[in-house]
Amino acid sequence: MIEVKLHDVGEGMTEGEIAHYLVQVGDHVTTDQPVVEVATDKMVAELPAPVSGIVKEIIIPVGQTVQVGTTLLHIEASNASEVPVAVKPEVSRVSEPAPVAVAAPPAQASPSKRVLATPYTRKLARDHGIDIEAVTASDPSGRVSEDDVLRFVNAAVTPQETVPSVVEEEVTQQQTPPETIPF
């Protein structure tokens, strides 16, 4: 007997309401044929049959809300060689000697750490020519803020390039009287 369970159909759902069964006990179903409709807060989804076979039992009645992982119905597979996809990997994983080798490439694929920062903060760092990974976060959660980027910029500026000198130049240019044009 194959169990058809409520699985996460998207958006991180944790529960769903059985809206409608598309099959009845004794019906012959084929692989990927929709067998039940489940309603969530955001959508109505059809769950497919994992194997071809005959519906032997409907466990959860229409209208009941169930958690993800709850068995909804049983199907007796019509072909003994037909095993649901979820069962095949478990058997092959036990016989495979190196599951660690599979997990290693993703870690090597991204050697740099992902820094937590808002898009504006990232843009601010780019505009100042700063690698955001070099900025130390003052937030306990590790998020780099605008203030952290500006503090990094001010620490990197040499005394000759201080902000007040730029402001002083602008002020002295503005104090020069404009040329008068006679009318």
N, C-alpha and C. Protein backbone atom coordinates (compact mmCIF):
# COMPACT_ATOMS: atom_id res chain seq x y z
N MET A 1 0.83 -1.19 0.00
CA MET A 1 0.00 0.00 0.00
C MET A 1 0.88 1.25 0.00
N ILE A 2 0.54 2.18 -0.82
CA ILE A 2 1.24 3.45 -0.91
C ILE A 2 0.38 4.51 -0.23
N GLU A 3 1.02 5.30 0.64
CA GLU A 3 0.32 6.38 1.33
C GLU A 3 0.46 7.66 0.52
N VAL A 4 -0.65 8.34 0.31
CA VAL A 4 -0.63 9.66 -0.31
C VAL A 4 -0.75 10.65 0.84
N LYS A 5 0.32 11.41 1.06
CA LYS A 5 0.37 12.35 2.19
C LYS A 5 0.26 13.78 1.71
N LEU A 6 -0.22 14.64 2.58
CA LEU A 6 -0.24 16.08 2.29
C LEU A 6 1.19 16.57 2.38
N HIS A 7 1.71 17.09 1.29
CA HIS A 7 3.06 17.64 1.28
C HIS A 7 3.00 19.14 1.08
N ASP A 8 4.09 19.82 1.38
CA ASP A 8 4.17 21.26 1.23
C ASP A 8 4.10 21.60 -0.26
N VAL A 9 3.01 22.21 -0.68
CA VAL A 9 2.83 22.53 -2.10
C VAL A 9 3.32 23.94 -2.43
N GLY A 10 3.93 24.59 -1.48
CA GLY A 10 4.50 25.91 -1.74
C GLY A 10 4.17 26.92 -0.68
N GLU A 11 4.93 28.01 -0.69
CA GLU A 11 4.74 29.14 0.22
C GLU A 11 4.91 28.75 1.69
N GLY A 12 5.61 27.63 1.96
CA GLY A 12 5.89 27.23 3.34
C GLY A 12 4.66 26.87 4.13
N MET A 13 3.67 26.32 3.47
CA MET A 13 2.42 25.98 4.16
C MET A 13 2.66 24.91 5.21
N THR A 14 1.85 24.94 6.28
CA THR A 14 1.97 23.95 7.34
C THR A 14 0.72 23.10 7.46
N GLU A 15 -0.39 23.58 6.88
CA GLU A 15 -1.64 22.83 6.94
C GLU A 15 -2.50 23.17 5.73
N GLY A 16 -3.50 22.33 5.50
CA GLY A 16 -4.41 22.55 4.40
C GLY A 16 -5.74 21.87 4.68
N GLU A 17 -6.78 22.34 4.03
CA GLU A 17 -8.12 21.77 4.18
C GLU A 17 -8.42 20.89 2.97
N ILE A 18 -8.93 19.71 3.21
CA ILE A 18 -9.31 18.81 2.13
C ILE A 18 -10.56 19.41 1.48
N ALA A 19 -10.41 19.91 0.26
CA ALA A 19 -11.51 20.58 -0.43
C ALA A 19 -12.38 19.59 -1.20
N HIS A 20 -11.73 18.61 -1.87
CA HIS A 20 -12.50 17.71 -2.74
C HIS A 20 -11.62 16.53 -3.15
N TYR A 21 -12.19 15.32 -3.09
CA TYR A 21 -11.49 14.16 -3.65
C TYR A 21 -11.91 14.00 -5.09
N LEU A 22 -10.95 13.77 -5.95
CA LEU A 22 -11.22 13.60 -7.37
C LEU A 22 -11.37 12.12 -7.73
N VAL A 23 -11.20 11.25 -6.74
CA VAL A 23 -11.34 9.80 -6.92
C VAL A 23 -12.17 9.24 -5.78
N GLN A 24 -12.61 7.99 -5.95
CA GLN A 24 -13.36 7.29 -4.90
C GLN A 24 -12.67 5.94 -4.64
N VAL A 25 -13.03 5.32 -3.53
CA VAL A 25 -12.48 4.00 -3.22
C VAL A 25 -12.85 3.05 -4.36
N GLY A 26 -11.87 2.30 -4.84
CA GLY A 26 -12.07 1.36 -5.93
C GLY A 26 -11.70 1.91 -7.30
N ASP A 27 -11.48 3.22 -7.41
CA ASP A 27 -11.12 3.82 -8.69
C ASP A 27 -9.68 3.46 -9.06
N HIS A 28 -9.45 3.24 -10.36
CA HIS A 28 -8.10 3.01 -10.86
C HIS A 28 -7.50 4.37 -11.21
N VAL A 29 -6.28 4.64 -10.70
CA VAL A 29 -5.59 5.90 -10.97
C VAL A 29 -4.27 5.62 -11.66
N THR A 30 -3.79 6.60 -12.38
CA THR A 30 -2.48 6.49 -13.04
C THR A 30 -1.51 7.44 -12.35
N THR A 31 -0.23 7.21 -12.56
CA THR A 31 0.80 8.05 -11.98
C THR A 31 0.59 9.50 -12.41
N ASP A 32 0.69 10.41 -11.46
CA ASP A 32 0.54 11.87 -11.65
C ASP A 32 -0.89 12.30 -11.93
N GLN A 33 -1.86 11.41 -11.81
CA GLN A 33 -3.27 11.80 -11.96
C GLN A 33 -3.69 12.53 -10.68
N PRO A 34 -4.33 13.71 -10.78
CA PRO A 34 -4.79 14.41 -9.58
C PRO A 34 -5.81 13.55 -8.82
N VAL A 35 -5.61 13.44 -7.50
CA VAL A 35 -6.52 12.61 -6.70
C VAL A 35 -7.25 13.40 -5.62
N VAL A 36 -6.70 14.55 -5.20
CA VAL A 36 -7.34 15.33 -4.15
C VAL A 36 -6.99 16.81 -4.33
N GLU A 37 -7.94 17.66 -3.97
CA GLU A 37 -7.72 19.11 -3.97
C GLU A 37 -7.58 19.56 -2.53
N VAL A 38 -6.55 20.35 -2.26
CA VAL A 38 -6.28 20.86 -0.93
C VAL A 38 -6.30 22.38 -0.99
N ALA A 39 -7.04 23.00 -0.07
CA ALA A 39 -7.13 24.46 -0.02
C ALA A 39 -6.26 24.98 1.13
N THR A 40 -5.46 26.01 0.82
CA THR A 40 -4.67 26.69 1.85
C THR A 40 -5.15 28.13 1.92
N ASP A 41 -4.46 28.94 2.72
CA ASP A 41 -4.83 30.36 2.83
C ASP A 41 -4.69 31.07 1.50
N LYS A 42 -3.75 30.61 0.66
CA LYS A 42 -3.39 31.35 -0.55
C LYS A 42 -3.80 30.69 -1.85
N MET A 43 -4.12 29.38 -1.82
CA MET A 43 -4.37 28.70 -3.10
C MET A 43 -5.11 27.39 -2.89
N VAL A 44 -5.55 26.83 -4.01
CA VAL A 44 -6.10 25.48 -4.04
C VAL A 44 -5.17 24.67 -4.94
N ALA A 45 -4.67 23.55 -4.41
CA ALA A 45 -3.71 22.74 -5.16
C ALA A 45 -4.24 21.32 -5.31
N GLU A 46 -3.90 20.69 -6.44
CA GLU A 46 -4.24 19.29 -6.67
C GLU A 46 -3.01 18.45 -6.36
N LEU A 47 -3.22 17.40 -5.58
CA LEU A 47 -2.13 16.49 -5.28
C LEU A 47 -2.25 15.28 -6.20
N PRO A 48 -1.14 14.88 -6.85
CA PRO A 48 -1.18 13.77 -7.80
C PRO A 48 -0.96 12.42 -7.11
N ALA A 49 -1.37 11.36 -7.80
CA ALA A 49 -1.10 10.00 -7.35
C ALA A 49 0.37 9.70 -7.61
N PRO A 50 1.10 9.15 -6.62
CA PRO A 50 2.51 8.85 -6.83
C PRO A 50 2.73 7.59 -7.68
N VAL A 51 1.72 6.73 -7.78
CA VAL A 51 1.82 5.48 -8.55
C VAL A 51 0.49 5.19 -9.23
N SER A 52 0.54 4.27 -10.20
CA SER A 52 -0.70 3.75 -10.79
C SER A 52 -1.21 2.65 -9.89
N GLY A 53 -2.51 2.58 -9.75
CA GLY A 53 -3.08 1.53 -8.91
C GLY A 53 -4.54 1.78 -8.62
N ILE A 54 -5.02 1.14 -7.56
CA ILE A 54 -6.42 1.24 -7.16
C ILE A 54 -6.50 1.91 -5.80
N VAL A 55 -7.42 2.89 -5.68
CA VAL A 55 -7.63 3.59 -4.42
C VAL A 55 -8.28 2.60 -3.46
N LYS A 56 -7.60 2.31 -2.34
CA LYS A 56 -8.11 1.33 -1.38
C LYS A 56 -8.83 1.98 -0.20
N GLU A 57 -8.39 3.16 0.21
CA GLU A 57 -8.98 3.77 1.40
C GLU A 57 -8.79 5.28 1.37
N ILE A 58 -9.85 6.01 1.69
CA ILE A 58 -9.77 7.46 1.88
C ILE A 58 -9.86 7.69 3.38
N ILE A 59 -8.82 8.26 3.95
CA ILE A 59 -8.71 8.36 5.41
C ILE A 59 -9.30 9.64 5.97
N ILE A 60 -9.00 10.77 5.36
CA ILE A 60 -9.42 12.08 5.88
C ILE A 60 -10.66 12.54 5.13
N PRO A 61 -11.73 12.91 5.85
CA PRO A 61 -12.95 13.37 5.17
C PRO A 61 -12.81 14.77 4.59
N VAL A 62 -13.63 15.10 3.62
CA VAL A 62 -13.66 16.43 3.00
C VAL A 62 -14.03 17.45 4.06
N GLY A 63 -13.35 18.59 4.02
CA GLY A 63 -13.64 19.68 4.94
C GLY A 63 -12.74 19.70 6.17
N GLN A 64 -11.98 18.66 6.40
CA GLN A 64 -11.10 18.61 7.57
C GLN A 64 -9.76 19.27 7.25
N THR A 65 -9.22 20.01 8.20
CA THR A 65 -7.91 20.64 8.07
C THR A 65 -6.88 19.71 8.68
N VAL A 66 -5.79 19.46 7.92
CA VAL A 66 -4.75 18.55 8.38
C VAL A 66 -3.37 19.19 8.23
N GLN A 67 -2.43 18.68 8.98
CA GLN A 67 -1.05 19.16 8.95
C GLN A 67 -0.29 18.52 7.79
N VAL A 68 0.77 19.17 7.32
CA VAL A 68 1.64 18.60 6.29
C VAL A 68 2.21 17.30 6.84
N GLY A 69 2.21 16.26 6.01
CA GLY A 69 2.72 14.96 6.42
C GLY A 69 1.62 13.98 6.80
N THR A 70 0.38 14.43 6.89
CA THR A 70 -0.74 13.56 7.24
C THR A 70 -1.11 12.70 6.04
N THR A 71 -1.35 11.40 6.29
CA THR A 71 -1.76 10.48 5.22
C THR A 71 -3.23 10.75 4.89
N LEU A 72 -3.51 10.98 3.59
CA LEU A 72 -4.86 11.29 3.15
C LEU A 72 -5.59 10.06 2.62
N LEU A 73 -4.86 9.22 1.85
CA LEU A 73 -5.48 8.03 1.27
C LEU A 73 -4.43 6.99 0.95
N HIS A 74 -4.89 5.74 0.72
CA HIS A 74 -3.99 4.64 0.36
C HIS A 74 -4.28 4.18 -1.06
N ILE A 75 -3.22 3.89 -1.79
CA ILE A 75 -3.35 3.34 -3.15
C ILE A 75 -2.56 2.03 -3.18
N GLU A 76 -3.19 0.99 -3.72
CA GLU A 76 -2.48 -0.27 -3.93
C GLU A 76 -1.89 -0.23 -5.33
N ALA A 77 -0.56 -0.28 -5.42
CA ALA A 77 0.12 -0.19 -6.71
C ALA A 77 -0.26 -1.37 -7.58
N SER A 78 -0.58 -1.11 -8.85
CA SER A 78 -0.98 -2.17 -9.77
C SER A 78 0.21 -2.93 -10.31
N ASN A 79 1.39 -2.35 -10.28
CA ASN A 79 2.59 -2.99 -10.79
C ASN A 79 3.62 -3.03 -9.66
N ALA A 80 4.11 -4.20 -9.30
CA ALA A 80 5.03 -4.34 -8.18
C ALA A 80 6.35 -3.59 -8.41
N SER A 81 6.75 -3.43 -9.67
CA SER A 81 8.01 -2.72 -9.94
C SER A 81 7.84 -1.21 -9.83
N GLU A 82 6.60 -0.76 -9.78
CA GLU A 82 6.34 0.68 -9.69
C GLU A 82 6.38 1.11 -8.24
N VAL A 83 7.40 1.83 -7.87
CA VAL A 83 7.57 2.30 -6.50
C VAL A 83 7.59 3.81 -6.55
N PRO A 84 6.93 4.48 -5.61
CA PRO A 84 6.92 5.94 -5.66
C PRO A 84 8.33 6.51 -5.58
N VAL A 85 8.50 7.67 -6.19
CA VAL A 85 9.81 8.32 -6.27
C VAL A 85 10.38 8.57 -4.89
N ALA A 86 9.55 8.86 -3.91
CA ALA A 86 10.03 9.17 -2.57
C ALA A 86 10.69 7.95 -1.92
N VAL A 87 10.32 6.74 -2.29
CA VAL A 87 10.88 5.55 -1.68
C VAL A 87 12.19 5.15 -2.35
N LYS A 88 12.30 5.29 -3.66
CA LYS A 88 13.51 4.88 -4.38
C LYS A 88 14.78 5.56 -3.86
N PRO A 89 14.81 6.90 -3.65
CA PRO A 89 16.03 7.52 -3.17
C PRO A 89 16.47 7.02 -1.80
N GLU A 90 15.53 6.69 -0.91
CA GLU A 90 15.91 6.20 0.40
C GLU A 90 16.70 4.90 0.28
N VAL A 91 16.28 4.00 -0.59
CA VAL A 91 16.97 2.74 -0.78
C VAL A 91 18.34 2.99 -1.39
N SER A 92 18.42 3.87 -2.39
CA SER A 92 19.70 4.11 -3.05
C SER A 92 20.65 4.88 -2.15
N ARG A 93 20.16 5.73 -1.26
CA ARG A 93 21.02 6.48 -0.36
C ARG A 93 21.74 5.54 0.60
N VAL A 94 21.06 4.49 1.03
CA VAL A 94 21.67 3.55 1.95
C VAL A 94 22.82 2.82 1.27
N SER A 95 22.66 2.51 -0.02
CA SER A 95 23.69 1.76 -0.72
C SER A 95 24.81 2.65 -1.25
N GLU A 96 24.60 3.94 -1.34
CA GLU A 96 25.64 4.84 -1.83
C GLU A 96 26.66 5.10 -0.73
N PRO A 97 27.96 4.98 -1.02
CA PRO A 97 28.97 5.11 0.01
C PRO A 97 29.33 6.55 0.40
N ALA A 98 29.08 7.53 -0.46
CA ALA A 98 29.61 8.86 -0.16
C ALA A 98 28.58 9.97 -0.29
N PRO A 99 27.62 10.09 0.64
CA PRO A 99 26.71 11.23 0.57
C PRO A 99 27.40 12.53 0.92
N VAL A 100 28.53 12.50 1.63
CA VAL A 100 29.25 13.72 1.98
C VAL A 100 29.84 14.37 0.74
N ALA A 101 30.28 13.57 -0.23
CA ALA A 101 30.86 14.12 -1.46
C ALA A 101 29.83 14.94 -2.22
N VAL A 102 28.55 14.60 -2.11
CA VAL A 102 27.50 15.35 -2.77
C VAL A 102 27.32 16.70 -2.11
N ALA A 103 27.48 16.76 -0.79
CA ALA A 103 27.27 18.01 -0.07
C ALA A 103 28.48 18.95 -0.18
N ALA A 104 29.66 18.45 -0.49
CA ALA A 104 30.86 19.27 -0.52
C ALA A 104 30.88 20.32 -1.63
N PRO A 105 30.49 20.01 -2.90
CA PRO A 105 30.59 21.02 -3.94
C PRO A 105 29.82 22.31 -3.68
N PRO A 106 28.58 22.30 -3.12
CA PRO A 106 27.92 23.57 -2.89
C PRO A 106 28.71 24.47 -1.92
N ALA A 107 29.36 23.87 -0.92
CA ALA A 107 30.13 24.68 0.02
C ALA A 107 31.33 25.30 -0.68
N GLN A 108 31.94 24.59 -1.63
CA GLN A 108 33.08 25.13 -2.35
C GLN A 108 32.65 26.11 -3.43
N ALA A 109 31.42 25.99 -3.90
CA ALA A 109 30.94 26.84 -4.98
C ALA A 109 30.83 28.30 -4.53
N SER A 110 30.56 28.53 -3.24
CA SER A 110 30.45 29.91 -2.76
C SER A 110 31.40 30.12 -1.60
N PRO A 111 32.69 30.35 -1.89
CA PRO A 111 33.66 30.52 -0.83
C PRO A 111 33.45 31.81 -0.04
N SER A 112 32.88 32.85 -0.64
CA SER A 112 32.66 34.09 0.08
C SER A 112 31.37 33.99 0.86
N LYS A 113 31.36 34.65 2.01
CA LYS A 113 30.16 34.61 2.84
C LYS A 113 29.13 35.60 2.32
N ARG A 114 27.89 35.32 2.57
CA ARG A 114 26.80 36.21 2.16
C ARG A 114 26.55 37.17 3.30
N VAL A 115 26.76 38.45 3.06
CA VAL A 115 26.60 39.48 4.07
C VAL A 115 25.15 39.94 4.09
N LEU A 116 24.61 40.07 5.30
CA LEU A 116 23.26 40.58 5.44
C LEU A 116 23.29 42.10 5.33
N ALA A 117 22.55 42.64 4.37
CA ALA A 117 22.48 44.09 4.19
C ALA A 117 21.30 44.40 3.28
N THR A 118 20.74 45.59 3.45
CA THR A 118 19.64 46.01 2.59
C THR A 118 20.19 46.38 1.22
N PRO A 119 19.35 46.39 0.21
CA PRO A 119 19.82 46.80 -1.12
C PRO A 119 20.42 48.21 -1.12
N TYR A 120 19.83 49.12 -0.34
CA TYR A 120 20.36 50.48 -0.29
C TYR A 120 21.77 50.48 0.30
N THR A 121 21.98 49.70 1.36
CA THR A 121 23.30 49.62 1.99
C THR A 121 24.32 49.06 1.01
N ARG A 122 23.93 48.04 0.25
CA ARG A 122 24.84 47.45 -0.75
C ARG A 122 25.20 48.49 -1.82
N LYS A 123 24.20 49.28 -2.25
CA LYS A 123 24.45 50.32 -3.25
C LYS A 123 25.39 51.39 -2.70
N LEU A 124 25.18 51.75 -1.45
CA LEU A 124 26.04 52.75 -0.82
C LEU A 124 27.49 52.27 -0.79
N ALA A 125 27.69 51.01 -0.47
CA ALA A 125 29.05 50.44 -0.46
C ALA A 125 29.64 50.43 -1.87
N ARG A 126 28.83 50.03 -2.86
CA ARG A 126 29.30 50.02 -4.26
C ARG A 126 29.67 51.42 -4.72
N ASP A 127 28.84 52.41 -4.38
CA ASP A 127 29.09 53.79 -4.79
C ASP A 127 30.41 54.32 -4.23
N HIS A 128 30.80 53.83 -3.06
CA HIS A 128 32.06 54.25 -2.44
C HIS A 128 33.22 53.32 -2.80
N GLY A 129 32.93 52.33 -3.64
CA GLY A 129 33.98 51.41 -4.08
C GLY A 129 34.45 50.47 -2.98
N ILE A 130 33.54 50.08 -2.10
CA ILE A 130 33.90 49.26 -0.95
C ILE A 130 33.30 47.87 -1.13
N ASP A 131 34.10 46.85 -0.80
CA ASP A 131 33.61 45.48 -0.76
C ASP A 131 32.84 45.34 0.54
N ILE A 132 31.54 45.07 0.46
CA ILE A 132 30.69 45.03 1.65
C ILE A 132 31.11 43.94 2.62
N GLU A 133 31.81 42.92 2.13
CA GLU A 133 32.28 41.86 3.01
C GLU A 133 33.39 42.34 3.94
N ALA A 134 34.03 43.45 3.60
CA ALA A 134 35.11 43.99 4.43
C ALA A 134 34.57 44.86 5.56
N VAL A 135 33.28 45.22 5.51
CA VAL A 135 32.68 46.09 6.51
C VAL A 135 32.26 45.26 7.72
N THR A 136 32.63 45.71 8.91
CA THR A 136 32.24 45.04 10.15
C THR A 136 30.87 45.53 10.57
N ALA A 137 29.97 44.58 10.85
CA ALA A 137 28.61 44.93 11.26
C ALA A 137 28.58 45.26 12.74
N SER A 138 27.87 46.32 13.10
CA SER A 138 27.70 46.67 14.51
C SER A 138 26.46 46.01 15.10
N ASP A 139 25.57 45.56 14.26
CA ASP A 139 24.35 44.90 14.69
C ASP A 139 24.67 43.49 15.22
N PRO A 140 24.08 43.08 16.34
CA PRO A 140 24.37 41.74 16.88
C PRO A 140 23.99 40.60 15.94
N SER A 141 23.02 40.83 15.06
CA SER A 141 22.61 39.78 14.12
C SER A 141 23.56 39.64 12.94
N GLY A 142 24.51 40.59 12.80
CA GLY A 142 25.47 40.53 11.71
C GLY A 142 25.07 41.33 10.49
N ARG A 143 23.95 42.05 10.55
CA ARG A 143 23.49 42.86 9.42
C ARG A 143 24.31 44.13 9.33
N VAL A 144 24.83 44.40 8.13
CA VAL A 144 25.60 45.61 7.89
C VAL A 144 24.61 46.75 7.60
N SER A 145 24.76 47.85 8.32
CA SER A 145 23.85 48.99 8.16
C SER A 145 24.53 50.10 7.37
N GLU A 146 23.75 51.13 7.05
CA GLU A 146 24.29 52.31 6.35
C GLU A 146 25.38 52.95 7.21
N ASP A 147 25.14 53.04 8.52
CA ASP A 147 26.11 53.65 9.43
C ASP A 147 27.43 52.87 9.42
N ASP A 148 27.35 51.54 9.34
CA ASP A 148 28.57 50.74 9.29
C ASP A 148 29.37 51.06 8.03
N VAL A 149 28.69 51.20 6.90
CA VAL A 149 29.38 51.53 5.65
C VAL A 149 29.99 52.92 5.74
N LEU A 150 29.25 53.89 6.24
CA LEU A 150 29.77 55.26 6.35
C LEU A 150 30.93 55.32 7.33
N ARG A 151 30.86 54.57 8.42
CA ARG A 151 31.95 54.53 9.39
C ARG A 151 33.21 53.94 8.72
N PHE A 152 33.01 52.91 7.88
CA PHE A 152 34.12 52.29 7.15
C PHE A 152 34.72 53.29 6.16
N VAL A 153 33.86 54.05 5.48
CA VAL A 153 34.34 55.06 4.52
C VAL A 153 35.15 56.12 5.24
N ASN A 154 34.66 56.62 6.38
CA ASN A 154 35.36 57.67 7.13
C ASN A 154 36.69 57.17 7.68
N ALA A 155 36.76 55.89 8.06
CA ALA A 155 38.01 55.32 8.57
C ALA A 155 39.03 55.16 7.45
N ALA A 156 38.55 54.94 6.23
CA ALA A 156 39.45 54.73 5.10
C ALA A 156 39.92 56.04 4.48
N VAL A 157 39.25 57.15 4.76
CA VAL A 157 39.61 58.44 4.17
C VAL A 157 40.87 58.96 4.84
N THR A 158 41.84 59.43 4.06
CA THR A 158 43.08 59.99 4.61
C THR A 158 42.82 61.39 5.12
N PRO A 159 43.65 61.90 6.01
CA PRO A 159 43.42 63.25 6.55
C PRO A 159 43.36 64.33 5.49
N GLN A 160 44.02 64.15 4.35
CA GLN A 160 44.01 65.17 3.30
C GLN A 160 42.66 65.23 2.61
N GLU A 161 41.93 64.12 2.66
CA GLU A 161 40.68 64.06 1.92
C GLU A 161 39.46 64.16 2.84
N THR A 162 39.54 64.90 3.89
CA THR A 162 38.42 64.97 4.82
C THR A 162 37.25 65.70 4.20
N VAL A 163 36.11 65.42 4.67
CA VAL A 163 34.89 66.00 4.14
C VAL A 163 34.84 67.51 4.35
N PRO A 164 35.25 68.06 5.53
CA PRO A 164 35.18 69.51 5.70
C PRO A 164 35.97 70.30 4.67
N SER A 165 37.11 69.79 4.19
CA SER A 165 37.87 70.54 3.20
C SER A 165 37.09 70.67 1.91
N VAL A 166 36.34 69.65 1.54
CA VAL A 166 35.52 69.72 0.34
C VAL A 166 34.42 70.76 0.55
N VAL A 167 33.84 70.75 1.74
CA VAL A 167 32.77 71.71 2.04
C VAL A 167 33.34 73.12 2.07
N GLU A 168 34.54 73.31 2.62
CA GLU A 168 35.15 74.64 2.67
C GLU A 168 35.39 75.19 1.27
N GLU A 169 35.83 74.34 0.33
CA GLU A 169 36.06 74.78 -1.04
C GLU A 169 34.75 75.26 -1.66
N GLU A 170 33.67 74.51 -1.42
CA GLU A 170 32.38 74.91 -1.98
C GLU A 170 31.93 76.24 -1.39
N VAL A 171 32.15 76.44 -0.08
CA VAL A 171 31.73 77.67 0.58
C VAL A 171 32.53 78.86 0.05
N THR A 172 33.84 78.71 -0.13
CA THR A 172 34.65 79.82 -0.63
C THR A 172 34.28 80.15 -2.06
N GLN A 173 33.90 79.16 -2.85
CA GLN A 173 33.49 79.45 -4.22
C GLN A 173 32.17 80.20 -4.23
N GLN A 174 31.30 79.91 -3.29
CA GLN A 174 30.01 80.59 -3.26
C GLN A 174 30.14 82.02 -2.76
N GLN A 175 31.18 82.32 -1.97
CA GLN A 175 31.33 83.66 -1.43
C GLN A 175 31.87 84.64 -2.46
N THR A 176 32.41 84.17 -3.55
CA THR A 176 32.90 85.04 -4.60
C THR A 176 31.69 85.72 -5.23
N PRO A 177 31.71 87.06 -5.28
CA PRO A 177 30.53 87.74 -5.82
C PRO A 177 30.37 87.45 -7.31
N PRO A 178 29.18 87.21 -7.73
CA PRO A 178 28.96 86.95 -9.14
C PRO A 178 29.15 88.23 -9.96
N GLU A 179 29.48 88.05 -11.22
CA GLU A 179 29.65 89.21 -12.10
C GLU A 179 28.28 89.84 -12.32
N THR A 180 28.29 91.13 -12.33
CA THR A 180 27.02 91.83 -12.56
C THR A 180 26.90 92.17 -14.02
N ILE A 181 25.73 91.95 -14.52
CA ILE A 181 25.47 92.26 -15.92
C ILE A 181 24.52 93.48 -15.96
N PRO A 182 24.98 94.54 -16.60
CA PRO A 182 24.12 95.74 -16.64
C PRO A 182 22.92 95.50 -17.57
N PHE A 183 21.81 96.04 -17.18
CA PHE A 183 20.59 95.93 -18.00
C PHE A 183 20.36 97.15 -18.80
